[in-house]
Amino acid sequence: MPRPSQTSQPRLAPGCRWGTHGEQQVVLFPEGMIRVQGTAQNILELCDGQRTVEEIVVTLSGRYGAGDPAKIAEDVSSFLEALQRKRIVDYE
């Protein structure tokens, strides 16, 4: 599966949704669930199918001002690619 491009618009895959497990935020998917915290949660919350990867990176760069935008872009792309392989995130 290809990495997302800067113009990809990631979103939760069909069958996936936000939920809670106890007091923790999780993403529920047909095979189970994953806990999301910190930066992972921040990235997934921005994956609404409207924002592009580039817009997500810009938003995160603003939140984490000291971060290198190129490093943030690389981390976001790697994270989304891994979640797409698990069928948790879709993008075109």
N, C-alpha and C. Protein backbone atom coordinates (compact mmCIF):
# COMPACT_ATOMS: atom_id res chain seq x y z
N MET A 1 0.84 -1.18 0.00
CA MET A 1 0.00 0.00 0.00
C MET A 1 0.88 1.24 0.00
N PRO A 2 0.54 2.19 -0.83
CA PRO A 2 1.39 3.38 -0.93
C PRO A 2 1.23 4.30 0.29
N ARG A 3 2.27 5.07 0.50
CA ARG A 3 2.21 6.08 1.55
C ARG A 3 1.24 7.17 1.11
N PRO A 4 0.65 7.87 2.06
CA PRO A 4 -0.24 8.96 1.66
C PRO A 4 0.56 10.10 1.04
N SER A 5 -0.04 10.74 0.06
CA SER A 5 0.59 11.93 -0.51
C SER A 5 0.19 13.13 0.33
N GLN A 6 0.79 14.27 0.06
CA GLN A 6 0.45 15.49 0.80
C GLN A 6 -0.99 15.92 0.54
N THR A 7 -1.59 15.47 -0.57
CA THR A 7 -2.96 15.85 -0.89
C THR A 7 -3.99 14.78 -0.49
N SER A 8 -3.52 13.65 0.04
CA SER A 8 -4.45 12.62 0.52
C SER A 8 -5.30 13.18 1.65
N GLN A 9 -6.53 12.69 1.74
CA GLN A 9 -7.45 13.12 2.79
C GLN A 9 -7.83 11.91 3.64
N PRO A 10 -7.02 11.63 4.66
CA PRO A 10 -7.26 10.43 5.48
C PRO A 10 -8.52 10.54 6.34
N ARG A 11 -9.11 9.37 6.58
CA ARG A 11 -10.30 9.26 7.42
C ARG A 11 -10.32 7.86 8.02
N LEU A 12 -11.11 7.68 9.06
CA LEU A 12 -11.28 6.34 9.60
C LEU A 12 -11.92 5.46 8.53
N ALA A 13 -11.47 4.24 8.43
CA ALA A 13 -11.99 3.31 7.43
C ALA A 13 -13.43 2.91 7.79
N PRO A 14 -14.19 2.46 6.79
CA PRO A 14 -15.54 1.97 7.08
C PRO A 14 -15.49 0.88 8.16
N GLY A 15 -16.41 0.96 9.09
CA GLY A 15 -16.46 -0.01 10.18
C GLY A 15 -15.65 0.40 11.39
N CYS A 16 -14.86 1.47 11.27
CA CYS A 16 -14.06 1.97 12.39
C CYS A 16 -14.73 3.20 12.98
N ARG A 17 -14.63 3.32 14.29
CA ARG A 17 -15.23 4.49 14.94
C ARG A 17 -14.54 4.74 16.27
N TRP A 18 -14.71 5.96 16.76
CA TRP A 18 -14.19 6.33 18.07
C TRP A 18 -15.07 5.70 19.15
N GLY A 19 -14.45 5.36 20.26
CA GLY A 19 -15.17 4.84 21.40
C GLY A 19 -14.34 5.03 22.65
N THR A 20 -14.80 4.47 23.74
CA THR A 20 -14.05 4.52 24.99
C THR A 20 -13.95 3.12 25.56
N HIS A 21 -12.89 2.91 26.29
CA HIS A 21 -12.69 1.67 27.02
C HIS A 21 -12.28 2.11 28.42
N GLY A 22 -13.22 2.03 29.35
CA GLY A 22 -12.98 2.66 30.64
C GLY A 22 -12.98 4.16 30.42
N GLU A 23 -11.91 4.79 30.79
CA GLU A 23 -11.78 6.24 30.57
C GLU A 23 -10.86 6.57 29.41
N GLN A 24 -10.38 5.55 28.71
CA GLN A 24 -9.44 5.79 27.62
C GLN A 24 -10.15 5.87 26.28
N GLN A 25 -9.65 6.76 25.45
CA GLN A 25 -10.14 6.91 24.08
C GLN A 25 -9.58 5.77 23.24
N VAL A 26 -10.42 5.12 22.45
CA VAL A 26 -9.99 4.02 21.59
C VAL A 26 -10.62 4.17 20.22
N VAL A 27 -10.04 3.48 19.26
CA VAL A 27 -10.66 3.34 17.95
C VAL A 27 -11.11 1.89 17.85
N LEU A 28 -12.40 1.71 17.64
CA LEU A 28 -12.98 0.37 17.49
C LEU A 28 -12.97 0.01 16.02
N PHE A 29 -12.57 -1.22 15.71
CA PHE A 29 -12.60 -1.70 14.34
C PHE A 29 -13.07 -3.15 14.37
N PRO A 30 -13.47 -3.71 13.23
CA PRO A 30 -14.10 -5.03 13.25
C PRO A 30 -13.30 -6.12 13.97
N GLU A 31 -11.99 -6.07 13.93
CA GLU A 31 -11.17 -7.10 14.55
C GLU A 31 -10.81 -6.79 16.00
N GLY A 32 -11.15 -5.61 16.51
CA GLY A 32 -10.79 -5.27 17.87
C GLY A 32 -10.79 -3.79 18.12
N MET A 33 -9.78 -3.34 18.86
CA MET A 33 -9.66 -1.92 19.17
C MET A 33 -8.20 -1.57 19.40
N ILE A 34 -7.89 -0.29 19.23
CA ILE A 34 -6.56 0.20 19.58
C ILE A 34 -6.75 1.41 20.49
N ARG A 35 -5.88 1.50 21.48
CA ARG A 35 -5.87 2.68 22.33
C ARG A 35 -5.06 3.76 21.64
N VAL A 36 -5.54 4.97 21.71
CA VAL A 36 -4.81 6.08 21.13
C VAL A 36 -4.61 7.15 22.19
N GLN A 37 -3.40 7.65 22.26
CA GLN A 37 -3.06 8.67 23.23
C GLN A 37 -2.11 9.66 22.59
N GLY A 38 -1.99 10.79 23.20
CA GLY A 38 -0.99 11.78 22.80
C GLY A 38 -1.05 12.14 21.33
N THR A 39 0.10 12.10 20.69
CA THR A 39 0.22 12.51 19.30
C THR A 39 -0.62 11.64 18.38
N ALA A 40 -0.68 10.34 18.63
CA ALA A 40 -1.48 9.45 17.79
C ALA A 40 -2.94 9.89 17.81
N GLN A 41 -3.44 10.22 18.97
CA GLN A 41 -4.83 10.69 19.08
C GLN A 41 -5.00 12.01 18.33
N ASN A 42 -4.02 12.91 18.49
CA ASN A 42 -4.10 14.20 17.79
C ASN A 42 -4.14 14.02 16.28
N ILE A 43 -3.35 13.10 15.76
CA ILE A 43 -3.34 12.85 14.32
C ILE A 43 -4.69 12.28 13.88
N LEU A 44 -5.16 11.24 14.57
CA LEU A 44 -6.41 10.61 14.17
C LEU A 44 -7.61 11.53 14.27
N GLU A 45 -7.62 12.40 15.25
CA GLU A 45 -8.73 13.36 15.38
C GLU A 45 -8.80 14.30 14.18
N LEU A 46 -7.66 14.53 13.53
CA LEU A 46 -7.62 15.41 12.36
C LEU A 46 -7.95 14.67 11.06
N CYS A 47 -8.03 13.35 11.12
CA CYS A 47 -8.32 12.54 9.93
C CYS A 47 -9.83 12.45 9.73
N ASP A 48 -10.38 13.50 9.15
CA ASP A 48 -11.83 13.61 9.00
C ASP A 48 -12.28 13.44 7.55
N GLY A 49 -11.36 13.10 6.65
CA GLY A 49 -11.72 12.95 5.24
C GLY A 49 -11.81 14.27 4.51
N GLN A 50 -11.65 15.38 5.21
CA GLN A 50 -11.69 16.71 4.61
C GLN A 50 -10.30 17.33 4.54
N ARG A 51 -9.56 17.20 5.63
CA ARG A 51 -8.21 17.78 5.68
C ARG A 51 -7.24 16.89 4.90
N THR A 52 -6.29 17.55 4.26
CA THR A 52 -5.23 16.82 3.57
C THR A 52 -4.12 16.49 4.57
N VAL A 53 -3.25 15.60 4.18
CA VAL A 53 -2.09 15.28 5.02
C VAL A 53 -1.29 16.56 5.27
N GLU A 54 -1.14 17.37 4.25
CA GLU A 54 -0.40 18.62 4.39
C GLU A 54 -1.05 19.52 5.45
N GLU A 55 -2.38 19.63 5.43
CA GLU A 55 -3.08 20.45 6.43
C GLU A 55 -2.92 19.87 7.84
N ILE A 56 -2.92 18.56 7.93
CA ILE A 56 -2.71 17.91 9.24
C ILE A 56 -1.32 18.24 9.76
N VAL A 57 -0.33 18.16 8.89
CA VAL A 57 1.05 18.48 9.29
C VAL A 57 1.17 19.94 9.73
N VAL A 58 0.54 20.85 9.00
CA VAL A 58 0.58 22.27 9.36
C VAL A 58 -0.06 22.47 10.74
N THR A 59 -1.20 21.83 10.98
CA THR A 59 -1.88 21.95 12.27
C THR A 59 -1.00 21.42 13.39
N LEU A 60 -0.41 20.24 13.19
CA LEU A 60 0.45 19.66 14.22
C LEU A 60 1.71 20.50 14.44
N SER A 61 2.26 21.06 13.36
CA SER A 61 3.43 21.92 13.49
C SER A 61 3.11 23.14 14.34
N GLY A 62 1.90 23.66 14.20
CA GLY A 62 1.47 24.79 15.03
C GLY A 62 1.34 24.41 16.49
N ARG A 63 0.84 23.20 16.74
CA ARG A 63 0.69 22.73 18.13
C ARG A 63 2.03 22.44 18.78
N TYR A 64 2.94 21.88 18.00
CA TYR A 64 4.25 21.49 18.52
C TYR A 64 5.31 22.38 17.87
N GLY A 65 5.22 23.67 18.11
CA GLY A 65 6.03 24.69 17.46
C GLY A 65 7.50 24.38 17.30
N ALA A 66 8.08 23.66 18.24
CA ALA A 66 9.51 23.39 18.18
C ALA A 66 9.83 22.26 17.21
N GLY A 67 8.82 21.52 16.75
CA GLY A 67 9.05 20.37 15.88
C GLY A 67 9.44 20.77 14.48
N ASP A 68 10.26 19.95 13.86
CA ASP A 68 10.67 20.14 12.47
C ASP A 68 9.53 19.68 11.57
N PRO A 69 8.97 20.56 10.73
CA PRO A 69 7.84 20.18 9.87
C PRO A 69 8.14 18.96 8.98
N ALA A 70 9.36 18.83 8.49
CA ALA A 70 9.71 17.68 7.66
C ALA A 70 9.64 16.39 8.47
N LYS A 71 10.08 16.44 9.70
CA LYS A 71 10.03 15.27 10.59
C LYS A 71 8.58 14.94 10.94
N ILE A 72 7.79 15.96 11.20
CA ILE A 72 6.37 15.75 11.51
C ILE A 72 5.69 15.11 10.30
N ALA A 73 5.97 15.60 9.10
CA ALA A 73 5.37 15.04 7.87
C ALA A 73 5.76 13.58 7.71
N GLU A 74 7.00 13.25 7.95
CA GLU A 74 7.47 11.87 7.86
C GLU A 74 6.77 10.98 8.88
N ASP A 75 6.67 11.45 10.11
CA ASP A 75 6.02 10.67 11.18
C ASP A 75 4.54 10.46 10.88
N VAL A 76 3.85 11.50 10.42
CA VAL A 76 2.43 11.39 10.10
C VAL A 76 2.24 10.39 8.96
N SER A 77 3.04 10.49 7.92
CA SER A 77 2.92 9.58 6.78
C SER A 77 3.16 8.13 7.20
N SER A 78 4.18 7.89 8.00
CA SER A 78 4.47 6.53 8.47
C SER A 78 3.34 5.98 9.32
N PHE A 79 2.82 6.82 10.21
CA PHE A 79 1.71 6.43 11.09
C PHE A 79 0.47 6.07 10.27
N LEU A 80 0.11 6.91 9.31
CA LEU A 80 -1.07 6.66 8.50
C LEU A 80 -0.89 5.42 7.62
N GLU A 81 0.29 5.23 7.10
CA GLU A 81 0.57 4.05 6.28
C GLU A 81 0.39 2.78 7.11
N ALA A 82 0.89 2.78 8.34
CA ALA A 82 0.74 1.62 9.22
C ALA A 82 -0.73 1.35 9.54
N LEU A 83 -1.50 2.41 9.78
CA LEU A 83 -2.92 2.23 10.09
C LEU A 83 -3.71 1.80 8.86
N GLN A 84 -3.28 2.20 7.68
CA GLN A 84 -3.96 1.75 6.47
C GLN A 84 -3.73 0.25 6.27
N ARG A 85 -2.53 -0.22 6.55
CA ARG A 85 -2.25 -1.66 6.44
C ARG A 85 -3.14 -2.48 7.37
N LYS A 86 -3.51 -1.89 8.51
CA LYS A 86 -4.39 -2.57 9.47
C LYS A 86 -5.87 -2.30 9.18
N ARG A 87 -6.14 -1.56 8.11
CA ARG A 87 -7.50 -1.21 7.67
C ARG A 87 -8.25 -0.38 8.70
N ILE A 88 -7.51 0.53 9.34
CA ILE A 88 -8.12 1.43 10.31
C ILE A 88 -8.30 2.81 9.68
N VAL A 89 -7.45 3.17 8.74
CA VAL A 89 -7.50 4.47 8.06
C VAL A 89 -7.54 4.23 6.57
N ASP A 90 -8.31 5.04 5.87
CA ASP A 90 -8.34 5.03 4.40
C ASP A 90 -7.89 6.40 3.91
N TYR A 91 -7.27 6.41 2.75
CA TYR A 91 -6.94 7.65 2.05
C TYR A 91 -6.72 7.30 0.59
N GLU A 92 -6.85 8.30 -0.25
CA GLU A 92 -6.63 8.08 -1.68
C GLU A 92 -5.47 8.92 -2.15
